[in-house]
Amino acid sequence: MDNMKEELIAPCGMNCNVCSSYLAYLNDTKGKGIGIPYCAGCRPRDKKCAFLKKRCSLLMDGKVEYCYQCPDCPCDNLKHVDKRYQTLYRMSLIDNLEYIKQNGIEALLTRENEKWRCPECGEAICCHNGICFSCGIERLRSKKKLFRWEDE
């Protein structure tokens, strides 16, 4: 799965490559009877950041590419989203931002590629539920809570 795209790392540090809405879009889950909203990613849609865009003038005005470039990072809004993602989805947006700041975007993509690789088929597993939308479509179809990991 060495196909994680740089344009799918949102300004807030969210890796849209492993987001349920992006993976649903990529794998046409609606066509397979699974009702997950589609999204092509924040940057490809020119939406800056789904979580923070309307709350951050620096993002809205294009003055920062990533939140770590802001002198107030992490702001309260980012901390709130990060806490939810750490608690529910096994991802830290702030950690991703720090990693980019220290190591660069390519290093983050390599790290994320390893972290989120499906052990069965090698495609991406979803950060929102731990399921591969490529080879785990039947597991996804039978899942009651589409946005929770099975062990929670």
C-alpha atoms as a PDB file:
ATOM      1  CA  MET A   1       0.000   0.000   0.000  1.00  0.00           C
ATOM      2  CA  ASP A   2       2.812   2.466  -0.506  1.00  0.00           C
ATOM      3  CA  ASN A   3       0.299   4.880  -1.996  1.00  0.00           C
ATOM      4  CA  MET A   4      -0.458   7.263   0.873  1.00  0.00           C
ATOM      5  CA  LYS A   5      -0.822  10.680  -0.667  1.00  0.00           C
ATOM      6  CA  GLU A   6       0.725  13.829   0.777  1.00  0.00           C
ATOM      7  CA  GLU A   7      -2.299  15.870  -0.305  1.00  0.00           C
ATOM      8  CA  LEU A   8      -4.385  13.731   2.073  1.00  0.00           C
ATOM      9  CA  ILE A   9      -2.609  14.960   5.196  1.00  0.00           C
ATOM     10  CA  ALA A  10      -4.877  17.732   6.432  1.00  0.00           C
ATOM     11  CA  PRO A  11      -3.534  20.955   7.965  1.00  0.00           C
ATOM     12  CA  CYS A  12      -4.634  19.716  11.421  1.00  0.00           C
ATOM     13  CA  GLY A  13      -2.568  16.528  11.068  1.00  0.00           C
ATOM     14  CA  MET A  14      -5.483  14.239  10.201  1.00  0.00           C
ATOM     15  CA  ASN A  15      -4.436  11.502   7.794  1.00  0.00           C
ATOM     16  CA  CYS A  16      -7.333  11.472   5.345  1.00  0.00           C
ATOM     17  CA  ASN A  17      -5.726   8.423   3.656  1.00  0.00           C
ATOM     18  CA  VAL A  18      -7.196   6.313   6.494  1.00  0.00           C
ATOM     19  CA  CYS A  19     -10.443   8.220   7.111  1.00  0.00           C
ATOM     20  CA  SER A  20     -13.703   6.260   6.782  1.00  0.00           C
ATOM     21  CA  SER A  21     -15.221   8.821   4.400  1.00  0.00           C
ATOM     22  CA  TYR A  22     -12.178   8.801   2.107  1.00  0.00           C
ATOM     23  CA  LEU A  23     -11.923   4.999   2.135  1.00  0.00           C
ATOM     24  CA  ALA A  24     -15.674   4.751   1.452  1.00  0.00           C
ATOM     25  CA  TYR A  25     -15.218   7.097  -1.523  1.00  0.00           C
ATOM     26  CA  LEU A  26     -12.169   5.169  -2.768  1.00  0.00           C
ATOM     27  CA  ASN A  27     -13.881   1.782  -2.450  1.00  0.00           C
ATOM     28  CA  ASP A  28     -17.436   2.832  -3.469  1.00  0.00           C
ATOM     29  CA  THR A  29     -19.071   1.466  -0.321  1.00  0.00           C
ATOM     30  CA  LYS A  30     -22.452   3.008  -1.195  1.00  0.00           C
ATOM     31  CA  GLY A  31     -22.449   0.866  -4.322  1.00  0.00           C
ATOM     32  CA  LYS A  32     -21.913  -2.108  -2.001  1.00  0.00           C
ATOM     33  CA  GLY A  33     -24.816  -1.160   0.272  1.00  0.00           C
ATOM     34  CA  ILE A  34     -22.847   0.530   3.064  1.00  0.00           C
ATOM     35  CA  GLY A  35     -23.971   4.051   3.930  1.00  0.00           C
ATOM     36  CA  ILE A  36     -20.812   5.894   4.856  1.00  0.00           C
ATOM     37  CA  PRO A  37     -20.517   9.482   3.575  1.00  0.00           C
ATOM     38  CA  TYR A  38     -17.964  10.077   0.830  1.00  0.00           C
ATOM     39  CA  CYS A  39     -15.120  12.585   0.992  1.00  0.00           C
ATOM     40  CA  ALA A  40     -12.150  13.069  -1.312  1.00  0.00           C
ATOM     41  CA  GLY A  41     -10.100  14.680   1.490  1.00  0.00           C
ATOM     42  CA  CYS A  42      -9.800  18.203   2.870  1.00  0.00           C
ATOM     43  CA  ARG A  43      -7.078  19.502   0.575  1.00  0.00           C
ATOM     44  CA  PRO A  44      -8.369  17.954  -2.681  1.00  0.00           C
ATOM     45  CA  ARG A  45     -11.757  19.590  -1.999  1.00  0.00           C
ATOM     46  CA  ASP A  46      -9.981  22.869  -1.116  1.00  0.00           C
ATOM     47  CA  LYS A  47     -11.726  22.835   2.261  1.00  0.00           C
ATOM     48  CA  LYS A  48      -8.553  23.595   4.257  1.00  0.00           C
ATOM     49  CA  CYS A  49      -9.483  21.407   7.256  1.00  0.00           C
ATOM     50  CA  ALA A  50     -12.815  19.761   8.081  1.00  0.00           C
ATOM     51  CA  PHE A  51     -12.233  20.176  11.820  1.00  0.00           C
ATOM     52  CA  LEU A  52     -10.726  23.640  12.160  1.00  0.00           C
ATOM     53  CA  LYS A  53     -11.299  25.661   8.991  1.00  0.00           C
ATOM     54  CA  LYS A  54     -14.014  27.995  10.221  1.00  0.00           C
ATOM     55  CA  ARG A  55     -12.300  28.528  13.562  1.00  0.00           C
ATOM     56  CA  CYS A  56      -8.873  29.509  12.260  1.00  0.00           C
ATOM     57  CA  SER A  57      -8.175  32.661  10.283  1.00  0.00           C
ATOM     58  CA  LEU A  58      -4.623  31.517   9.473  1.00  0.00           C
ATOM     59  CA  LEU A  59      -5.977  28.409   7.722  1.00  0.00           C
ATOM     60  CA  MET A  60      -8.808  30.302   6.057  1.00  0.00           C
ATOM     61  CA  ASP A  61      -6.396  32.926   4.712  1.00  0.00           C
ATOM     62  CA  GLY A  62      -3.839  30.326   3.579  1.00  0.00           C
ATOM     63  CA  LYS A  63      -1.123  31.684   5.895  1.00  0.00           C
ATOM     64  CA  VAL A  64      -0.200  28.236   7.229  1.00  0.00           C
ATOM     65  CA  GLU A  65      -0.005  24.893   5.456  1.00  0.00           C
ATOM     66  CA  TYR A  66      -0.026  22.877   8.686  1.00  0.00           C
ATOM     67  CA  CYS A  67      -1.193  23.897  12.154  1.00  0.00           C
ATOM     68  CA  TYR A  68       2.286  23.388  13.656  1.00  0.00           C
ATOM     69  CA  GLN A  69       3.319  26.542  11.768  1.00  0.00           C
ATOM     70  CA  CYS A  70       0.997  28.599  13.968  1.00  0.00           C
ATOM     71  CA  PRO A  71       2.491  30.227  17.079  1.00  0.00           C
ATOM     72  CA  ASP A  72      -0.611  29.153  19.071  1.00  0.00           C
ATOM     73  CA  CYS A  73      -0.345  25.479  18.149  1.00  0.00           C
ATOM     74  CA  PRO A  74      -1.865  23.458  19.595  1.00  0.00           C
ATOM     75  CA  CYS A  75      -4.923  25.657  20.037  1.00  0.00           C
ATOM     76  CA  ASP A  76      -7.894  24.621  22.152  1.00  0.00           C
ATOM     77  CA  ASN A  77      -9.858  23.512  19.077  1.00  0.00           C
ATOM     78  CA  LEU A  78      -7.039  21.239  17.924  1.00  0.00           C
ATOM     79  CA  LYS A  79      -6.582  19.858  21.456  1.00  0.00           C
ATOM     80  CA  HIS A  80     -10.289  19.004  21.597  1.00  0.00           C
ATOM     81  CA  VAL A  81     -10.250  17.130  18.264  1.00  0.00           C
ATOM     82  CA  ASP A  82      -6.963  15.438  19.149  1.00  0.00           C
ATOM     83  CA  LYS A  83      -8.340  14.144  22.449  1.00  0.00           C
ATOM     84  CA  ARG A  84     -11.326  12.607  20.650  1.00  0.00           C
ATOM     85  CA  TYR A  85      -9.089  10.987  18.034  1.00  0.00           C
ATOM     86  CA  GLN A  86      -6.672   9.622  20.627  1.00  0.00           C
ATOM     87  CA  THR A  87      -9.540   8.218  22.704  1.00  0.00           C
ATOM     88  CA  LEU A  88     -11.665   6.729  19.924  1.00  0.00           C
ATOM     89  CA  TYR A  89      -9.514   6.300  16.831  1.00  0.00           C
ATOM     90  CA  ARG A  90      -5.933   5.478  17.861  1.00  0.00           C
ATOM     91  CA  MET A  91      -4.497   8.561  16.204  1.00  0.00           C
ATOM     92  CA  SER A  92      -3.049  11.814  17.507  1.00  0.00           C
ATOM     93  CA  LEU A  93      -3.299  14.766  15.161  1.00  0.00           C
ATOM     94  CA  ILE A  94      -0.881  16.726  17.350  1.00  0.00           C
ATOM     95  CA  ASP A  95       1.610  13.843  17.258  1.00  0.00           C
ATOM     96  CA  ASN A  96       1.316  13.755  13.459  1.00  0.00           C
ATOM     97  CA  LEU A  97       1.999  17.507  13.309  1.00  0.00           C
ATOM     98  CA  GLU A  98       5.032  17.214  15.589  1.00  0.00           C
ATOM     99  CA  TYR A  99       6.317  14.345  13.471  1.00  0.00           C
ATOM    100  CA  ILE A 100       5.962  16.412  10.288  1.00  0.00           C
ATOM    101  CA  LYS A 101       7.683  19.359  11.954  1.00  0.00           C
ATOM    102  CA  GLN A 102      10.622  17.234  13.098  1.00  0.00           C
ATOM    103  CA  ASN A 103      10.948  14.708  10.259  1.00  0.00           C
ATOM    104  CA  GLY A 104       9.077  16.019   7.221  1.00  0.00           C
ATOM    105  CA  ILE A 105       5.957  14.912   5.413  1.00  0.00           C
ATOM    106  CA  GLU A 106       7.598  11.983   3.580  1.00  0.00           C
ATOM    107  CA  ALA A 107       8.694  10.450   6.891  1.00  0.00           C
ATOM    108  CA  LEU A 108       5.150  10.788   8.228  1.00  0.00           C
ATOM    109  CA  LEU A 109       3.739   9.093   5.130  1.00  0.00           C
ATOM    110  CA  THR A 110       6.182   6.203   5.597  1.00  0.00           C
ATOM    111  CA  ARG A 111       5.286   5.873   9.288  1.00  0.00           C
ATOM    112  CA  GLU A 112       1.557   6.031   8.596  1.00  0.00           C
ATOM    113  CA  ASN A 113       1.860   3.543   5.742  1.00  0.00           C
ATOM    114  CA  GLU A 114       3.351   1.016   8.161  1.00  0.00           C
ATOM    115  CA  LYS A 115       0.925   1.794  10.996  1.00  0.00           C
ATOM    116  CA  TRP A 116      -2.272   1.517   8.943  1.00  0.00           C
ATOM    117  CA  ARG A 117      -1.376  -1.305   6.517  1.00  0.00           C
ATOM    118  CA  CYS A 118      -3.871  -4.182   6.373  1.00  0.00           C
ATOM    119  CA  PRO A 119      -2.075  -7.419   7.297  1.00  0.00           C
ATOM    120  CA  GLU A 120      -4.297  -9.363   4.866  1.00  0.00           C
ATOM    121  CA  CYS A 121      -4.128  -7.409   1.599  1.00  0.00           C
ATOM    122  CA  GLY A 122      -1.729  -4.523   2.238  1.00  0.00           C
ATOM    123  CA  GLU A 123      -4.267  -1.744   1.639  1.00  0.00           C
ATOM    124  CA  ALA A 124      -5.141   0.879   4.271  1.00  0.00           C
ATOM    125  CA  ILE A 125      -7.203   0.058   7.319  1.00  0.00           C
ATOM    126  CA  CYS A 126      -9.603   2.697   8.568  1.00  0.00           C
ATOM    127  CA  CYS A 127      -8.647   4.738  11.621  1.00  0.00           C
ATOM    128  CA  HIS A 128     -12.312   5.013  12.598  1.00  0.00           C
ATOM    129  CA  ASN A 129     -13.006   1.284  12.923  1.00  0.00           C
ATOM    130  CA  GLY A 130      -9.861  -0.760  12.153  1.00  0.00           C
ATOM    131  CA  ILE A 131     -11.382  -2.397   9.071  1.00  0.00           C
ATOM    132  CA  CYS A 132      -9.862  -2.619   5.615  1.00  0.00           C
ATOM    133  CA  PHE A 133     -12.426  -1.337   3.129  1.00  0.00           C
ATOM    134  CA  SER A 134     -10.718  -3.361   0.402  1.00  0.00           C
ATOM    135  CA  CYS A 135     -10.694  -6.927   1.773  1.00  0.00           C
ATOM    136  CA  GLY A 136     -12.895  -6.477   4.860  1.00  0.00           C
ATOM    137  CA  ILE A 137     -16.049  -5.276   3.157  1.00  0.00           C
ATOM    138  CA  GLU A 138     -18.165  -8.117   4.606  1.00  0.00           C
ATOM    139  CA  ARG A 139     -16.968  -7.275   8.133  1.00  0.00           C
ATOM    140  CA  LEU A 140     -17.845  -3.657   7.458  1.00  0.00           C
ATOM    141  CA  ARG A 141     -21.281  -4.586   6.077  1.00  0.00           C
ATOM    142  CA  SER A 142     -22.162  -6.569   9.232  1.00  0.00           C
ATOM    143  CA  LYS A 143     -20.824  -3.953  11.661  1.00  0.00           C
ATOM    144  CA  LYS A 144     -23.428  -2.293  13.886  1.00  0.00           C
ATOM    145  CA  LYS A 145     -21.290   0.699  14.873  1.00  0.00           C
ATOM    146  CA  LEU A 146     -19.474   1.761  11.711  1.00  0.00           C
ATOM    147  CA  PHE A 147     -17.310   4.307  13.517  1.00  0.00           C
ATOM    148  CA  ARG A 148     -15.993   2.250  16.437  1.00  0.00           C
ATOM    149  CA  TRP A 149     -13.260  -0.338  16.754  1.00  0.00           C
ATOM    150  CA  GLU A 150     -14.549  -3.847  17.525  1.00  0.00           C
ATOM    151  CA  ASP A 151     -12.746  -4.095  20.866  1.00  0.00           C
ATOM    152  CA  GLU A 152     -14.517  -0.976  22.180  1.00  0.00           C
END
